[in-house]
């Protein structure tokens, strides 16, 4: 399948990029932290305590995921 002019990895396997699990966890953890912070701010601005709490929860989960990724990189997974 070609999407936006870029061939998929199935059509062109030499273009496939392997991302280690630890690196992926770190990146996803940082992303969740950013999303959590945005939700916290939106909750503050809108006066929605549930949205703010959801943002804090997602931010903490992102921190844990990022740390997990760091540990995986040290251990070699």
PDB file of N, CA and C in Angstrom:
ATOM      1  N   UNK A   1       0.843  -1.174   0.000  1.00  0.00           N
ATOM      2  CA  UNK A   1       0.000   0.000   0.000  1.00  0.00           C
ATOM      3  C   UNK A   1       0.887   1.235   0.000  1.00  0.00           C
ATOM      4  N   UNK A   2       0.530   2.207  -0.779  1.00  0.00           N
ATOM      5  CA  UNK A   2       1.257   3.468  -0.808  1.00  0.00           C
ATOM      6  C   UNK A   2       0.361   4.529  -0.201  1.00  0.00           C
ATOM      7  N   UNK A   3       0.912   5.226   0.768  1.00  0.00           N
ATOM      8  CA  UNK A   3       0.152   6.265   1.450  1.00  0.00           C
ATOM      9  C   UNK A   3       0.971   7.538   1.414  1.00  0.00           C
ATOM     10  N   UNK A   4       0.420   8.573   0.886  1.00  0.00           N
ATOM     11  CA  UNK A   4       1.081   9.873   0.785  1.00  0.00           C
ATOM     12  C   UNK A   4       2.397   9.757   0.027  1.00  0.00           C
ATOM     13  N   UNK A   5       2.429   8.863  -0.962  1.00  0.00           N
ATOM     14  CA  UNK A   5       3.614   8.735  -1.790  1.00  0.00           C
ATOM     15  C   UNK A   5       4.761   7.966  -1.156  1.00  0.00           C
ATOM     16  N   UNK A   6       4.542   7.400   0.016  1.00  0.00           N
ATOM     17  CA  UNK A   6       5.595   6.659   0.706  1.00  0.00           C
ATOM     18  C   UNK A   6       5.217   5.184   0.709  1.00  0.00           C
ATOM     19  N   UNK A   7       6.099   4.325   0.172  1.00  0.00           N
ATOM     20  CA  UNK A   7       5.759   2.900   0.170  1.00  0.00           C
ATOM     21  C   UNK A   7       5.772   2.333   1.583  1.00  0.00           C
ATOM     22  N   UNK A   8       4.911   1.357   1.814  1.00  0.00           N
ATOM     23  CA  UNK A   8       4.879   0.731   3.130  1.00  0.00           C
ATOM     24  C   UNK A   8       6.094  -0.165   3.299  1.00  0.00           C
ATOM     25  N   UNK A   9       6.371  -0.559   4.525  1.00  0.00           N
ATOM     26  CA  UNK A   9       7.503  -1.425   4.822  1.00  0.00           C
ATOM     27  C   UNK A   9       7.348  -2.790   4.176  1.00  0.00           C
ATOM     28  N   UNK A  10       6.117  -3.229   3.932  1.00  0.00           N
ATOM     29  CA  UNK A  10       5.891  -4.522   3.296  1.00  0.00           C
ATOM     30  C   UNK A  10       6.385  -4.512   1.858  1.00  0.00           C
ATOM     31  N   UNK A  11       6.241  -3.387   1.190  1.00  0.00           N
ATOM     32  CA  UNK A  11       6.691  -3.289  -0.188  1.00  0.00           C
ATOM     33  C   UNK A  11       8.188  -3.040  -0.278  1.00  0.00           C
ATOM     34  N   UNK A  12       8.750  -2.407   0.713  1.00  0.00           N
ATOM     35  CA  UNK A  12      10.152  -2.026   0.665  1.00  0.00           C
ATOM     36  C   UNK A  12      10.804  -2.323   2.008  1.00  0.00           C
ATOM     37  N   UNK A  13      11.096  -3.593   2.303  1.00  0.00           N
ATOM     38  CA  UNK A  13      11.577  -3.967   3.639  1.00  0.00           C
ATOM     39  C   UNK A  13      12.912  -3.343   4.023  1.00  0.00           C
ATOM     40  N   UNK A  14      13.747  -2.963   3.061  1.00  0.00           N
ATOM     41  CA  UNK A  14      15.022  -2.354   3.436  1.00  0.00           C
ATOM     42  C   UNK A  14      14.850  -0.961   4.029  1.00  0.00           C
ATOM     43  N   UNK A  15      13.677  -0.376   3.870  1.00  0.00           N
ATOM     44  CA  UNK A  15      13.399   0.933   4.469  1.00  0.00           C
ATOM     45  C   UNK A  15      12.861   0.800   5.882  1.00  0.00           C
ATOM     46  N   UNK A  16      12.641  -0.403   6.327  1.00  0.00           N
ATOM     47  CA  UNK A  16      12.108  -0.640   7.654  1.00  0.00           C
ATOM     48  C   UNK A  16      13.110  -0.190   8.717  1.00  0.00           C
ATOM     49  N   UNK A  17      12.614   0.506   9.714  1.00  0.00           N
ATOM     50  CA  UNK A  17      13.460   0.983  10.801  1.00  0.00           C
ATOM     51  C   UNK A  17      13.039   0.270  12.071  1.00  0.00           C
ATOM     52  N   UNK A  18      13.968  -0.435  12.673  1.00  0.00           N
ATOM     53  CA  UNK A  18      13.674  -1.138  13.923  1.00  0.00           C
ATOM     54  C   UNK A  18      13.947  -0.206  15.086  1.00  0.00           C
ATOM     55  N   UNK A  19      12.938   0.019  15.898  1.00  0.00           N
ATOM     56  CA  UNK A  19      13.088   0.858  17.078  1.00  0.00           C
ATOM     57  C   UNK A  19      13.079  -0.062  18.288  1.00  0.00           C
ATOM     58  N   UNK A  20      14.089   0.072  19.111  1.00  0.00           N
ATOM     59  CA  UNK A  20      14.162  -0.774  20.297  1.00  0.00           C
ATOM     60  C   UNK A  20      13.031  -0.436  21.252  1.00  0.00           C
ATOM     61  N   UNK A  21      12.625  -1.437  21.993  1.00  0.00           N
ATOM     62  CA  UNK A  21      11.504  -1.310  22.912  1.00  0.00           C
ATOM     63  C   UNK A  21      11.715  -0.176  23.924  1.00  0.00           C
ATOM     64  N   UNK A  22      12.922  -0.062  24.470  1.00  0.00           N
ATOM     65  CA  UNK A  22      13.198   0.984  25.451  1.00  0.00           C
ATOM     66  C   UNK A  22      13.045   2.374  24.877  1.00  0.00           C
ATOM     67  N   UNK A  23      13.549   2.562  23.666  1.00  0.00           N
ATOM     68  CA  UNK A  23      13.435   3.866  23.007  1.00  0.00           C
ATOM     69  C   UNK A  23      11.979   4.197  22.733  1.00  0.00           C
ATOM     70  N   UNK A  24      11.228   3.196  22.297  1.00  0.00           N
ATOM     71  CA  UNK A  24       9.805   3.407  22.021  1.00  0.00           C
ATOM     72  C   UNK A  24       9.069   3.782  23.303  1.00  0.00           C
ATOM     73  N   UNK A  25       9.357   3.069  24.390  1.00  0.00           N
ATOM     74  CA  UNK A  25       8.699   3.381  25.659  1.00  0.00           C
ATOM     75  C   UNK A  25       9.040   4.794  26.126  1.00  0.00           C
ATOM     76  N   UNK A  26      10.295   5.186  25.968  1.00  0.00           N
ATOM     77  CA  UNK A  26      10.681   6.547  26.370  1.00  0.00           C
ATOM     78  C   UNK A  26       9.902   7.594  25.577  1.00  0.00           C
ATOM     79  N   UNK A  27       9.845   7.406  24.264  1.00  0.00           N
ATOM     80  CA  UNK A  27       9.156   8.378  23.409  1.00  0.00           C
ATOM     81  C   UNK A  27       7.661   8.427  23.715  1.00  0.00           C
ATOM     82  N   UNK A  28       7.046   7.250  23.853  1.00  0.00           N
ATOM     83  CA  UNK A  28       5.620   7.228  24.154  1.00  0.00           C
ATOM     84  C   UNK A  28       5.345   7.817  25.536  1.00  0.00           C
ATOM     85  N   UNK A  29       6.236   7.570  26.487  1.00  0.00           N
ATOM     86  CA  UNK A  29       6.075   8.132  27.819  1.00  0.00           C
ATOM     87  C   UNK A  29       6.114   9.647  27.804  1.00  0.00           C
ATOM     88  N   UNK A  30       7.054  10.195  27.035  1.00  0.00           N
ATOM     89  CA  UNK A  30       7.136  11.660  26.922  1.00  0.00           C
ATOM     90  C   UNK A  30       5.874  12.215  26.266  1.00  0.00           C
ATOM     91  N   UNK A  31       5.368  11.502  25.249  1.00  0.00           N
ATOM     92  CA  UNK A  31       4.159  11.940  24.567  1.00  0.00           C
ATOM     93  C   UNK A  31       2.979  11.966  25.534  1.00  0.00           C
ATOM     94  N   UNK A  32       2.853  10.933  26.358  1.00  0.00           N
ATOM     95  CA  UNK A  32       1.759  10.889  27.328  1.00  0.00           C
ATOM     96  C   UNK A  32       1.905  12.005  28.364  1.00  0.00           C
ATOM     97  N   UNK A  33       3.131  12.346  28.717  1.00  0.00           N
ATOM     98  CA  UNK A  33       3.338  13.445  29.658  1.00  0.00           C
ATOM     99  C   UNK A  33       2.856  14.761  29.054  1.00  0.00           C
ATOM    100  N   UNK A  34       3.146  14.975  27.783  1.00  0.00           N
ATOM    101  CA  UNK A  34       2.715  16.206  27.106  1.00  0.00           C
ATOM    102  C   UNK A  34       1.186  16.250  27.033  1.00  0.00           C
ATOM    103  N   UNK A  35       0.582  15.133  26.608  1.00  0.00           N
ATOM    104  CA  UNK A  35      -0.884  15.092  26.536  1.00  0.00           C
ATOM    105  C   UNK A  35      -1.505  15.323  27.908  1.00  0.00           C
ATOM    106  N   UNK A  36      -0.899  14.738  28.940  1.00  0.00           N
ATOM    107  CA  UNK A  36      -1.419  14.922  30.288  1.00  0.00           C
ATOM    108  C   UNK A  36      -1.367  16.372  30.719  1.00  0.00           C
ATOM    109  N   UNK A  37      -0.270  17.041  30.406  1.00  0.00           N
ATOM    110  CA  UNK A  37      -0.121  18.451  30.777  1.00  0.00           C
ATOM    111  C   UNK A  37      -1.159  19.316  30.050  1.00  0.00           C
ATOM    112  N   UNK A  38      -1.389  19.004  28.780  1.00  0.00           N
ATOM    113  CA  UNK A  38      -2.394  19.751  28.014  1.00  0.00           C
ATOM    114  C   UNK A  38      -3.778  19.558  28.642  1.00  0.00           C
ATOM    115  N   UNK A  39      -4.095  18.331  29.031  1.00  0.00           N
ATOM    116  CA  UNK A  39      -5.389  18.065  29.667  1.00  0.00           C
ATOM    117  C   UNK A  39      -5.498  18.787  31.008  1.00  0.00           C
ATOM    118  N   UNK A  40      -4.401  18.821  31.768  1.00  0.00           N
ATOM    119  CA  UNK A  40      -4.427  19.541  33.045  1.00  0.00           C
ATOM    120  C   UNK A  40      -4.735  21.015  32.829  1.00  0.00           C
ATOM    121  N   UNK A  41      -4.044  21.615  31.874  1.00  0.00           N
ATOM    122  CA  UNK A  41      -4.245  23.042  31.592  1.00  0.00           C
ATOM    123  C   UNK A  41      -5.669  23.285  31.092  1.00  0.00           C
ATOM    124  N   UNK A  42      -6.151  22.406  30.205  1.00  0.00           N
ATOM    125  CA  UNK A  42      -7.521  22.550  29.701  1.00  0.00           C
ATOM    126  C   UNK A  42      -8.525  22.411  30.846  1.00  0.00           C
ATOM    127  N   UNK A  43      -8.250  21.496  31.771  1.00  0.00           N
ATOM    128  CA  UNK A  43      -9.126  21.336  32.917  1.00  0.00           C
ATOM    129  C   UNK A  43      -9.142  22.568  33.796  1.00  0.00           C
ATOM    130  N   UNK A  44      -7.972  23.197  33.988  1.00  0.00           N
ATOM    131  CA  UNK A  44      -7.890  24.437  34.754  1.00  0.00           C
ATOM    132  C   UNK A  44      -8.687  25.558  34.074  1.00  0.00           C
ATOM    133  N   UNK A  45      -8.450  25.710  32.771  1.00  0.00           N
ATOM    134  CA  UNK A  45      -9.085  26.803  32.053  1.00  0.00           C
ATOM    135  C   UNK A  45     -10.602  26.649  31.963  1.00  0.00           C
ATOM    136  N   UNK A  46     -11.054  25.397  31.835  1.00  0.00           N
ATOM    137  CA  UNK A  46     -12.490  25.164  31.694  1.00  0.00           C
ATOM    138  C   UNK A  46     -13.185  24.935  33.032  1.00  0.00           C
ATOM    139  N   UNK A  47     -12.395  24.810  34.101  1.00  0.00           N
ATOM    140  CA  UNK A  47     -12.978  24.549  35.409  1.00  0.00           C
ATOM    141  C   UNK A  47     -13.482  23.120  35.553  1.00  0.00           C
ATOM    142  N   UNK A  48     -12.904  22.203  34.797  1.00  0.00           N
ATOM    143  CA  UNK A  48     -13.327  20.798  34.813  1.00  0.00           C
ATOM    144  C   UNK A  48     -12.324  19.981  35.643  1.00  0.00           C
ATOM    145  N   UNK A  49     -12.654  19.695  36.902  1.00  0.00           N
ATOM    146  CA  UNK A  49     -11.712  18.960  37.749  1.00  0.00           C
ATOM    147  C   UNK A  49     -11.464  17.523  37.271  1.00  0.00           C
ATOM    148  N   UNK A  50     -12.449  16.927  36.592  1.00  0.00           N
ATOM    149  CA  UNK A  50     -12.255  15.569  36.075  1.00  0.00           C
ATOM    150  C   UNK A  50     -11.207  15.532  34.973  1.00  0.00           C
ATOM    151  N   UNK A  51     -11.243  16.525  34.087  1.00  0.00           N
ATOM    152  CA  UNK A  51     -10.263  16.601  33.007  1.00  0.00           C
ATOM    153  C   UNK A  51      -8.867  16.862  33.574  1.00  0.00           C
ATOM    154  N   UNK A  52      -8.793  17.727  34.580  1.00  0.00           N
ATOM    155  CA  UNK A  52      -7.508  18.005  35.219  1.00  0.00           C
ATOM    156  C   UNK A  52      -6.949  16.741  35.873  1.00  0.00           C
ATOM    157  N   UNK A  53      -7.797  15.990  36.566  1.00  0.00           N
ATOM    158  CA  UNK A  53      -7.365  14.747  37.209  1.00  0.00           C
ATOM    159  C   UNK A  53      -6.937  13.713  36.173  1.00  0.00           C
ATOM    160  N   UNK A  54      -7.657  13.641  35.072  1.00  0.00           N
ATOM    161  CA  UNK A  54      -7.300  12.716  33.997  1.00  0.00           C
ATOM    162  C   UNK A  54      -5.921  13.075  33.432  1.00  0.00           C
ATOM    163  N   UNK A  55      -5.658  14.373  33.293  1.00  0.00           N
ATOM    164  CA  UNK A  55      -4.367  14.836  32.799  1.00  0.00           C
ATOM    165  C   UNK A  55      -3.230  14.467  33.738  1.00  0.00           C
ATOM    166  N   UNK A  56      -3.466  14.644  35.039  1.00  0.00           N
ATOM    167  CA  UNK A  56      -2.441  14.275  36.016  1.00  0.00           C
ATOM    168  C   UNK A  56      -2.158  12.782  35.965  1.00  0.00           C
ATOM    169  N   UNK A  57      -3.213  11.997  35.848  1.00  0.00           N
ATOM    170  CA  UNK A  57      -3.073  10.541  35.793  1.00  0.00           C
ATOM    171  C   UNK A  57      -2.276  10.131  34.549  1.00  0.00           C
ATOM    172  N   UNK A  58      -2.605  10.722  33.404  1.00  0.00           N
ATOM    173  CA  UNK A  58      -1.898  10.385  32.172  1.00  0.00           C
ATOM    174  C   UNK A  58      -0.437  10.834  32.234  1.00  0.00           C
ATOM    175  N   UNK A  59      -0.193  11.972  32.856  1.00  0.00           N
ATOM    176  CA  UNK A  59       1.182  12.449  33.005  1.00  0.00           C
ATOM    177  C   UNK A  59       2.018  11.519  33.870  1.00  0.00           C
ATOM    178  N   UNK A  60       1.442  11.045  34.973  1.00  0.00           N
ATOM    179  CA  UNK A  60       2.167  10.105  35.842  1.00  0.00           C
ATOM    180  C   UNK A  60       2.420   8.781  35.131  1.00  0.00           C
ATOM    181  N   UNK A  61       1.434   8.315  34.382  1.00  0.00           N
ATOM    182  CA  UNK A  61       1.609   7.076  33.615  1.00  0.00           C
ATOM    183  C   UNK A  61       2.715   7.250  32.577  1.00  0.00           C
ATOM    184  N   UNK A  62       2.787   8.427  31.982  1.00  0.00           N
ATOM    185  CA  UNK A  62       3.847   8.718  31.016  1.00  0.00           C
ATOM    186  C   UNK A  62       5.220   8.712  31.663  1.00  0.00           C
ATOM    187  N   UNK A  63       5.305   9.248  32.877  1.00  0.00           N
ATOM    188  CA  UNK A  63       6.584   9.240  33.600  1.00  0.00           C
ATOM    189  C   UNK A  63       7.037   7.809  33.863  1.00  0.00           C
ATOM    190  N   UNK A  64       6.101   6.967  34.266  1.00  0.00           N
ATOM    191  CA  UNK A  64       6.425   5.568  34.547  1.00  0.00           C
ATOM    192  C   UNK A  64       6.882   4.869  33.270  1.00  0.00           C
ATOM    193  N   UNK A  65       6.175   5.112  32.174  1.00  0.00           N
ATOM    194  CA  UNK A  65       6.531   4.480  30.913  1.00  0.00           C
ATOM    195  C   UNK A  65       7.909   4.946  30.445  1.00  0.00           C
ATOM    196  N   UNK A  66       8.201   6.235  30.617  1.00  0.00           N
ATOM    197  CA  UNK A  66       9.509   6.743  30.229  1.00  0.00           C
ATOM    198  C   UNK A  66      10.616   6.081  31.053  1.00  0.00           C
ATOM    199  N   UNK A  67      10.412   5.975  32.361  1.00  0.00           N
ATOM    200  CA  UNK A  67      11.409   5.331  33.226  1.00  0.00           C
ATOM    201  C   UNK A  67      11.589   3.862  32.859  1.00  0.00           C
ATOM    202  N   UNK A  68      10.480   3.201  32.510  1.00  0.00           N
ATOM    203  CA  UNK A  68      10.558   1.818  32.076  1.00  0.00           C
ATOM    204  C   UNK A  68      11.438   1.702  30.845  1.00  0.00           C
ATOM    205  N   UNK A  69      11.280   2.615  29.911  1.00  0.00           N
ATOM    206  CA  UNK A  69      12.102   2.631  28.700  1.00  0.00           C
ATOM    207  C   UNK A  69      13.569   2.835  29.019  1.00  0.00           C
ATOM    208  N   UNK A  70      13.862   3.729  29.973  1.00  0.00           N
ATOM    209  CA  UNK A  70      15.248   3.959  30.371  1.00  0.00           C
ATOM    210  C   UNK A  70      15.855   2.695  30.968  1.00  0.00           C
ATOM    211  N   UNK A  71      15.091   2.017  31.790  1.00  0.00           N
ATOM    212  CA  UNK A  71      15.573   0.777  32.404  1.00  0.00           C
ATOM    213  C   UNK A  71      15.814  -0.279  31.329  1.00  0.00           C
ATOM    214  N   UNK A  72      14.893  -0.412  30.388  1.00  0.00           N
ATOM    215  CA  UNK A  72      15.072  -1.383  29.311  1.00  0.00           C
ATOM    216  C   UNK A  72      16.349  -1.106  28.524  1.00  0.00           C
ATOM    217  N   UNK A  73      16.651   0.167  28.297  1.00  0.00           N
ATOM    218  CA  UNK A  73      17.859   0.503  27.549  1.00  0.00           C
ATOM    219  C   UNK A  73      19.112   0.109  28.318  1.00  0.00           C
ATOM    220  N   UNK A  74      19.083   0.306  29.630  1.00  0.00           N
ATOM    221  CA  UNK A  74      20.242  -0.063  30.461  1.00  0.00           C
ATOM    222  C   UNK A  74      20.420  -1.576  30.504  1.00  0.00           C
ATOM    223  N   UNK A  75      19.292  -2.295  30.639  1.00  0.00           N
ATOM    224  CA  UNK A  75      19.327  -3.748  30.713  1.00  0.00           C
ATOM    225  C   UNK A  75      19.646  -4.357  29.346  1.00  0.00           C
ATOM    226  N   UNK A  76      19.299  -3.655  28.288  1.00  0.00           N
ATOM    227  CA  UNK A  76      19.603  -4.136  26.948  1.00  0.00           C
ATOM    228  C   UNK A  76      18.443  -4.782  26.237  1.00  0.00           C
ATOM    229  N   UNK A  77      17.241  -4.431  26.581  1.00  0.00           N
ATOM    230  CA  UNK A  77      16.064  -5.006  25.920  1.00  0.00           C
ATOM    231  C   UNK A  77      15.485  -4.033  24.937  1.00  0.00           C
TER     232      UNK A  77
END
